[in-house]
Amino acid sequence: MLDIQNLSKTFNPGTVNEKKALSSLSLHLDEGDFVTIVGSNGAGKSTLFNAIAGSFYADEGSISLAGKDITFMPEHERSRRIGRLFQDPLRGTAPSMTIEENLALAYLRAAHGNPFSRISKKDKEFFAEQLKQLDMGLEDRMKNPVGLLSGGQRQALTLLMATMVPPQLLLLDEHTAALDPATAEKVLDLTRRVVAESHITCLMVTHNMHQALELGNRTLMMADGHIVLDVAGSERAGMGVDDLIARFKAGAGHELDNDRILYRNKIAARSAATLFPTPCGGAGKGDTLFHEREYPPFDPPRERFSIAGEQLEELRRLPIALPARGAAAFSSAIRFGVLPLSAAALLILFWCSLITCHRQRMLFR
């Protein structure tokens, strides 16, 4: 189905900012494969997806999809064969267009090859049936702009748009990373069902190693622009997260140093240990628990801005309205015609703007 041979891509060649994103990468996927990909930031995962989708042309190598060479095929032509979901839910839909219009655009592009064709009443009924399967009530809001939907609803809609006409290849680039846990699980279940029912060949990038081992039939790990681990079948079925990290170190020559991956999987492991404790406190073969001596506790990043107690008290003491004397003076000046009403209004607005600016300065100091 998908065949990649010796794919290479270098950004900013010949400069101090030169970055070799892909290095002679080769990959073959059979029809119906569901492959998960794990790797640190900068490993080349998104670059690989961009090369497959046609966001840029590779420097070297070839890409074939369903027996057709697409190495130099324009991106808009590949989009009829390849569906893609991004990490940002806002990237897959047009917010000012209605749900029906977004679905029509995706449907006409994939089914007829012309997004400017017209849809029939039968097509609209088909859209409503597809939306009903999402179980989010969107079938009753088809005339609403997509910009009014939540992030999870937009990502589910994007998934539907990408698979309504089953593509030859589906690319999922951390499509649940920006969603809350409950919504992410719902979108993930929907992904699993859609891919299985339509037998879609799928590549999914994830930072959750538990998902990487549970979903699909094959797991890849990337580092420095090439694949360092490729496991499937019985070998993959008997692996735990610790085994995956150890195999990554053996293949890449260095430890996995991505705090986001380690923290996310450590939290998941602790939750699993709480629900399903290992007998006698030991860790059996394939257990996913992390050892404190090997993986010290990781503190998640704190909020960028914080307000100290004394700053908060100062904000509370800050006057909201004009002082009593100032208000009385303004009233007298306006009554006796000393100060025009327009000038008084401008002074009041100026005073309020000063208060607002002071508040903002205190908040972000």
Protein backbone atom coordinates (compact mmCIF):
# COMPACT_ATOMS: atom_id res chain seq x y z
CA MET A 1 0.00 0.00 0.00
CA LEU A 2 2.59 2.58 1.13
CA ASP A 3 6.22 2.18 0.11
CA ILE A 4 8.91 4.70 1.08
CA GLN A 5 12.47 4.21 -0.10
CA ASN A 6 15.55 6.10 1.17
CA LEU A 7 13.65 9.30 1.98
CA SER A 8 15.84 12.25 3.02
CA LYS A 9 15.06 15.87 3.83
CA THR A 10 17.39 18.64 5.04
CA PHE A 11 16.16 22.09 6.06
CA ASN A 12 18.35 25.20 5.60
CA PRO A 13 21.21 23.27 3.93
CA GLY A 14 24.62 24.92 3.94
CA THR A 15 23.77 27.30 6.79
CA VAL A 16 24.37 27.35 10.54
CA ASN A 17 20.72 26.33 10.95
CA GLU A 18 21.06 23.19 8.84
CA LYS A 19 18.84 20.38 10.14
CA LYS A 20 18.69 16.88 8.68
CA ALA A 21 15.10 15.92 9.49
CA LEU A 22 14.94 12.62 7.57
CA SER A 23 17.93 10.41 6.85
CA SER A 24 17.54 7.62 4.25
CA LEU A 25 14.27 6.48 5.82
CA SER A 26 12.56 3.41 4.33
CA LEU A 27 9.14 2.08 5.31
CA HIS A 28 6.60 -0.34 3.86
CA LEU A 29 2.96 -0.67 4.94
CA ASP A 30 0.59 -3.39 3.78
CA GLU A 31 -3.06 -2.62 3.11
CA GLY A 32 -5.04 -2.38 6.35
CA ASP A 33 -1.98 -1.84 8.59
CA PHE A 34 -2.52 0.41 11.63
CA VAL A 35 0.93 1.63 12.67
CA THR A 36 1.69 3.77 15.71
CA ILE A 37 4.79 5.98 15.83
CA VAL A 38 6.60 7.21 18.95
CA GLY A 39 9.61 9.52 19.19
CA SER A 40 11.05 12.59 20.86
CA ASN A 41 10.53 16.10 19.54
CA GLY A 42 12.69 16.58 16.47
CA ALA A 43 12.79 12.87 15.65
CA GLY A 44 11.20 13.49 12.25
CA LYS A 45 7.65 12.25 12.80
CA SER A 46 5.81 15.33 11.51
CA THR A 47 8.40 15.79 8.76
CA LEU A 48 7.64 12.27 7.58
CA PHE A 49 3.92 13.06 7.53
CA ASN A 50 4.53 16.32 5.65
CA ALA A 51 6.61 14.50 3.07
CA ILE A 52 3.91 11.84 2.58
CA ALA A 53 1.12 14.45 2.38
CA GLY A 54 3.08 16.59 -0.07
CA SER A 55 3.63 19.69 2.08
CA PHE A 56 7.12 19.72 0.54
CA TYR A 57 9.17 17.56 -1.79
CA ALA A 58 11.87 15.32 -0.32
CA ASP A 59 15.49 15.90 -1.29
CA GLU A 60 16.04 12.23 -2.05
CA GLY A 61 14.04 9.02 -2.17
CA SER A 62 10.63 7.96 -3.45
CA ILE A 63 7.07 7.55 -2.13
CA SER A 64 4.53 5.16 -3.67
CA LEU A 65 0.90 4.79 -2.62
CA ALA A 66 -1.25 1.91 -3.90
CA GLY A 67 1.30 1.23 -6.62
CA LYS A 68 1.38 4.85 -7.85
CA ASP A 69 4.46 7.04 -7.52
CA ILE A 70 3.40 10.21 -5.66
CA THR A 71 6.89 11.58 -4.93
CA PHE A 72 6.29 14.73 -6.99
CA MET A 73 2.51 14.78 -6.95
CA PRO A 74 1.10 18.16 -5.78
CA GLU A 75 -0.37 18.32 -2.29
CA HIS A 76 -3.92 19.08 -3.45
CA GLU A 77 -3.95 15.94 -5.61
CA ARG A 78 -2.61 13.77 -2.78
CA SER A 79 -5.37 15.08 -0.52
CA ARG A 80 -7.90 13.05 -2.54
CA ARG A 81 -6.05 9.88 -1.56
CA ILE A 82 -4.69 10.82 1.87
CA GLY A 83 -6.67 11.95 4.92
CA ARG A 84 -4.91 13.83 7.71
CA LEU A 85 -5.69 15.04 11.23
CA PHE A 86 -3.49 17.54 13.06
CA GLN A 87 -2.83 18.07 16.75
CA ASP A 88 -4.63 21.43 16.63
CA PRO A 89 -8.41 20.86 16.25
CA LEU A 90 -8.71 24.25 14.53
CA ARG A 91 -6.62 23.24 11.51
CA GLY A 92 -8.94 20.64 10.00
CA THR A 93 -12.09 22.70 9.50
CA ALA A 94 -13.27 26.09 8.20
CA PRO A 95 -14.75 27.91 11.24
CA SER A 96 -16.89 30.41 9.33
CA MET A 97 -18.57 27.68 7.27
CA THR A 98 -21.39 25.51 8.60
CA ILE A 99 -21.02 21.85 9.53
CA GLU A 100 -22.90 20.89 6.39
CA GLU A 101 -20.66 23.06 4.19
CA ASN A 102 -17.49 21.57 5.70
CA LEU A 103 -18.76 18.06 5.12
CA ALA A 104 -19.80 18.94 1.57
CA LEU A 105 -16.38 20.36 0.78
CA ALA A 106 -14.58 17.23 2.03
CA TYR A 107 -17.09 14.87 0.40
CA LEU A 108 -17.04 16.49 -3.03
CA ARG A 109 -13.24 16.73 -3.07
CA ALA A 110 -12.75 13.04 -2.22
CA ALA A 111 -15.75 11.51 -4.02
CA HIS A 112 -15.94 13.64 -7.17
CA GLY A 113 -12.55 15.31 -7.28
CA ASN A 114 -14.19 18.74 -7.56
CA PRO A 115 -14.98 20.69 -4.36
CA PHE A 116 -17.08 23.17 -6.38
CA SER A 117 -19.73 20.62 -7.40
CA ARG A 118 -23.18 20.63 -5.82
CA ILE A 119 -24.58 18.26 -3.22
CA SER A 120 -28.00 16.67 -3.45
CA LYS A 121 -30.69 16.07 -0.85
CA LYS A 122 -29.50 12.47 -0.66
CA ASP A 123 -25.98 13.69 0.16
CA LYS A 124 -27.34 15.83 3.01
CA GLU A 125 -29.17 12.82 4.44
CA PHE A 126 -25.92 10.88 4.21
CA PHE A 127 -24.13 13.63 6.15
CA ALA A 128 -26.77 13.51 8.88
CA GLU A 129 -26.40 9.72 9.16
CA GLN A 130 -22.63 10.01 9.47
CA LEU A 131 -22.90 12.75 12.11
CA LYS A 132 -25.34 10.67 14.12
CA GLN A 133 -22.68 7.99 14.51
CA LEU A 134 -20.51 10.47 16.39
CA ASP A 135 -23.15 10.59 19.16
CA MET A 136 -22.52 14.30 19.78
CA GLY A 137 -25.81 15.74 18.58
CA LEU A 138 -24.18 17.42 15.59
CA GLU A 139 -26.79 16.03 13.19
CA ASP A 140 -29.22 18.61 14.63
CA ARG A 141 -26.75 21.48 14.20
CA MET A 142 -25.76 21.10 10.56
CA LYS A 143 -26.58 24.75 9.82
CA ASN A 144 -24.41 26.04 12.69
CA PRO A 145 -20.92 27.46 12.01
CA VAL A 146 -18.11 25.08 12.94
CA GLY A 147 -16.50 27.88 14.95
CA LEU A 148 -19.19 27.38 17.63
CA LEU A 149 -18.12 23.78 18.31
CA SER A 150 -15.79 22.63 21.06
CA GLY A 151 -12.30 21.30 20.31
CA GLY A 152 -13.40 17.69 20.71
CA GLN A 153 -16.41 18.17 18.46
CA ARG A 154 -14.26 19.82 15.80
CA GLN A 155 -11.68 17.02 15.94
CA ALA A 156 -14.41 14.38 15.66
CA LEU A 157 -15.87 16.31 12.71
CA THR A 158 -12.42 16.48 11.09
CA LEU A 159 -12.04 12.72 11.50
CA LEU A 160 -15.42 12.22 9.84
CA MET A 161 -14.47 14.57 6.99
CA ALA A 162 -11.22 12.65 6.43
CA THR A 163 -12.82 9.19 6.43
CA MET A 164 -16.36 9.79 5.11
CA VAL A 165 -15.01 8.65 1.76
CA PRO A 166 -12.37 6.12 2.97
CA PRO A 167 -8.90 7.35 1.95
CA GLN A 168 -6.10 5.10 0.81
CA LEU A 169 -4.03 6.35 3.77
CA LEU A 170 -4.93 8.13 7.01
CA LEU A 171 -2.34 10.23 8.86
CA LEU A 172 -3.06 11.03 12.53
CA ASP A 173 -0.55 13.51 13.96
CA GLU A 174 -1.22 13.44 17.74
CA HIS A 175 -4.87 14.19 17.02
CA THR A 176 -5.96 13.73 20.67
CA ALA A 177 -3.06 15.57 22.37
CA ALA A 178 -4.89 18.93 22.64
CA LEU A 179 -8.12 17.46 24.05
CA ASP A 180 -9.16 16.83 27.64
CA PRO A 181 -8.81 13.17 28.77
CA ALA A 182 -12.51 12.27 28.48
CA THR A 183 -12.89 13.82 25.01
CA ALA A 184 -9.56 12.36 23.88
CA GLU A 185 -10.70 8.88 24.86
CA LYS A 186 -13.95 9.33 22.97
CA VAL A 187 -12.16 10.53 19.82
CA LEU A 188 -9.68 7.66 20.15
CA ASP A 189 -12.49 5.09 20.40
CA LEU A 190 -14.10 6.68 17.35
CA THR A 191 -10.77 6.48 15.50
CA ARG A 192 -10.38 2.80 16.37
CA ARG A 193 -13.91 2.02 15.15
CA VAL A 194 -13.70 4.00 11.91
CA VAL A 195 -10.32 2.54 10.94
CA ALA A 196 -11.47 -1.02 11.69
CA GLU A 197 -14.83 -0.73 9.90
CA SER A 198 -13.40 0.84 6.74
CA HIS A 199 -10.12 -1.17 6.78
CA ILE A 200 -8.12 2.02 6.36
CA THR A 201 -4.33 1.93 6.26
CA CYS A 202 -3.28 4.27 9.05
CA LEU A 203 -0.19 5.94 10.53
CA MET A 204 -0.66 7.51 13.98
CA VAL A 205 1.86 9.60 15.92
CA THR A 206 1.42 9.50 19.70
CA HIS A 207 3.40 10.39 22.83
CA ASN A 208 1.49 7.82 24.87
CA MET A 209 3.43 4.56 24.83
CA HIS A 210 0.51 2.59 26.25
CA GLN A 211 -1.57 3.66 23.25
CA ALA A 212 1.34 2.88 20.95
CA LEU A 213 1.36 -0.73 22.16
CA GLU A 214 -2.41 -1.18 22.47
CA LEU A 215 -3.58 0.36 19.18
CA GLY A 216 -2.97 -1.10 15.76
CA ASN A 217 -0.80 -4.04 14.78
CA ARG A 218 2.66 -2.44 14.59
CA THR A 219 4.76 0.10 16.50
CA LEU A 220 7.64 2.24 15.22
CA MET A 221 10.06 4.40 17.22
CA MET A 222 11.95 7.23 15.51
CA ALA A 223 15.10 9.16 16.41
CA ASP A 224 17.28 11.57 14.42
CA GLY A 225 15.29 11.18 11.24
CA HIS A 226 15.24 7.42 10.93
CA ILE A 227 13.41 4.40 12.35
CA VAL A 228 15.27 2.77 15.26
CA LEU A 229 12.64 0.20 16.24
CA ASP A 230 9.95 -1.67 14.32
CA VAL A 231 7.96 -4.29 16.23
CA ALA A 232 4.80 -6.23 15.38
CA GLY A 233 3.01 -9.50 16.02
CA SER A 234 3.86 -11.70 19.00
CA GLU A 235 7.03 -9.71 19.75
CA ARG A 236 4.96 -6.55 20.20
CA ALA A 237 2.20 -8.31 22.14
CA GLY A 238 4.65 -9.38 24.87
CA MET A 239 6.23 -5.93 25.32
CA GLY A 240 5.64 -3.41 28.07
CA VAL A 241 6.62 0.25 28.23
CA ASP A 242 9.90 -0.56 30.01
CA ASP A 243 10.79 -3.00 27.24
CA LEU A 244 9.98 -0.38 24.62
CA ILE A 245 12.24 2.20 26.28
CA ALA A 246 15.06 -0.32 26.60
CA ARG A 247 14.76 -1.29 22.92
CA PHE A 248 14.77 2.39 21.97
CA LYS A 249 18.05 2.92 23.85
CA ALA A 250 19.61 -0.09 22.13
CA GLY A 251 18.51 1.11 18.69
CA ALA A 252 19.13 4.86 19.04
CA GLY A 253 22.29 4.66 21.15
CA HIS A 254 20.88 7.02 23.78
CA GLU A 255 18.03 7.11 26.28
CA LEU A 256 14.62 8.55 25.51
CA ASP A 257 14.92 12.08 26.86
CA ASN A 258 11.48 13.50 26.13
CA ASP A 259 9.98 14.69 29.45
CA ARG A 260 6.51 14.88 27.95
CA ILE A 261 6.53 11.19 26.98
CA LEU A 262 8.11 10.01 30.24
CA TYR A 263 5.80 12.08 32.45
CA ARG A 264 2.63 11.08 30.61
CA ASN A 265 3.51 7.39 30.73
CA LYS A 266 4.66 7.54 34.34
CA ILE A 267 1.31 9.00 35.41
CA ALA A 268 -0.50 6.29 33.43
CA ALA A 269 1.68 3.63 35.02
CA ARG A 270 0.97 4.91 38.54
CA SER A 271 -2.75 4.93 37.82
CA ALA A 272 -2.54 1.36 36.58
CA ALA A 273 -0.54 0.36 39.65
CA THR A 274 -3.19 1.86 41.93
CA LEU A 275 -6.00 -0.01 40.18
CA PHE A 276 -4.08 -3.26 39.60
CA PRO A 277 -1.25 -3.58 42.16
CA THR A 278 1.37 -6.24 41.48
CA PRO A 279 1.33 -9.09 44.08
CA CYS A 280 3.95 -8.76 46.85
CA GLY A 281 4.90 -5.36 45.51
CA GLY A 282 7.03 -6.84 42.74
CA ALA A 283 7.07 -5.99 39.06
CA GLY A 284 6.46 -8.88 36.74
CA LYS A 285 7.65 -9.36 33.19
CA GLY A 286 6.28 -6.73 30.87
CA ASP A 287 5.09 -4.60 33.78
CA THR A 288 4.75 -0.92 32.95
CA LEU A 289 5.84 0.52 36.30
CA PHE A 290 8.74 2.99 36.27
CA HIS A 291 11.60 2.61 38.77
CA GLU A 292 12.33 5.74 40.76
CA ARG A 293 16.11 5.23 40.57
CA GLU A 294 15.97 5.14 36.78
CA TYR A 295 13.26 7.72 36.22
CA PRO A 296 13.21 10.43 38.91
CA PRO A 297 9.91 12.20 39.55
CA PHE A 298 9.14 14.81 36.93
CA ASP A 299 7.45 18.07 37.85
CA PRO A 300 5.03 19.25 35.18
CA PRO A 301 5.66 22.82 33.95
CA ARG A 302 4.09 25.46 36.13
CA GLU A 303 1.96 28.32 34.88
CA ARG A 304 3.94 31.12 33.29
CA PHE A 305 2.34 33.84 35.35
CA SER A 306 1.55 33.75 39.06
CA ILE A 307 0.24 36.36 41.50
CA ALA A 308 1.88 36.67 44.88
CA GLY A 309 -0.28 37.16 47.95
CA GLU A 310 0.71 40.77 48.48
CA GLN A 311 0.04 41.58 44.81
CA LEU A 312 -3.41 40.05 45.06
CA GLU A 313 -4.15 42.11 48.17
CA GLU A 314 -2.99 45.24 46.37
CA LEU A 315 -5.36 44.46 43.52
CA ARG A 316 -8.23 44.03 45.96
CA ARG A 317 -7.51 47.37 47.59
CA LEU A 318 -7.32 49.14 44.24
CA PRO A 319 -10.34 51.48 43.90
CA ILE A 320 -12.80 50.58 41.19
CA ALA A 321 -14.82 53.81 41.07
CA LEU A 322 -13.73 57.43 41.24
CA PRO A 323 -12.85 58.79 44.71
CA ALA A 324 -15.70 60.50 46.48
CA ARG A 325 -14.05 63.91 46.37
CA GLY A 326 -13.29 63.62 42.69
CA ALA A 327 -16.88 62.59 41.95
CA ALA A 328 -18.26 65.53 43.95
CA ALA A 329 -15.91 67.97 42.21
CA PHE A 330 -16.95 66.66 38.79
CA SER A 331 -20.62 66.98 39.76
CA SER A 332 -20.23 70.60 40.93
CA ALA A 333 -18.18 71.58 37.89
CA ILE A 334 -20.75 70.15 35.52
CA ARG A 335 -23.69 71.75 37.41
CA PHE A 336 -22.24 75.29 37.27
CA GLY A 337 -21.04 74.92 33.70
CA VAL A 338 -17.37 75.14 34.59
CA LEU A 339 -16.64 71.74 33.00
CA PRO A 340 -18.51 70.58 29.87
CA LEU A 341 -20.16 67.20 30.12
CA SER A 342 -18.06 65.77 27.25
CA ALA A 343 -14.80 66.77 28.94
CA ALA A 344 -15.97 65.20 32.21
CA ALA A 345 -16.79 61.96 30.40
CA LEU A 346 -13.33 61.91 28.82
CA LEU A 347 -11.66 62.39 32.21
CA ILE A 348 -13.73 59.57 33.70
CA LEU A 349 -12.77 57.26 30.83
CA PHE A 350 -9.10 58.23 31.24
CA TRP A 351 -9.22 57.40 34.95
CA CYS A 352 -10.84 54.01 34.28
CA SER A 353 -8.22 53.20 31.63
CA LEU A 354 -5.46 53.97 34.16
CA ILE A 355 -7.05 51.54 36.60
CA THR A 356 -7.30 48.86 33.90
CA CYS A 357 -3.66 49.32 32.85
CA HIS A 358 -2.54 49.15 36.48
CA ARG A 359 -4.47 45.92 36.99
CA GLN A 360 -2.89 44.31 33.92
CA ARG A 361 0.56 45.41 35.00
CA MET A 362 0.02 43.82 38.39
CA LEU A 363 -1.26 40.60 36.86
CA PHE A 364 1.69 40.09 34.52
CA ARG A 365 4.46 41.57 36.67
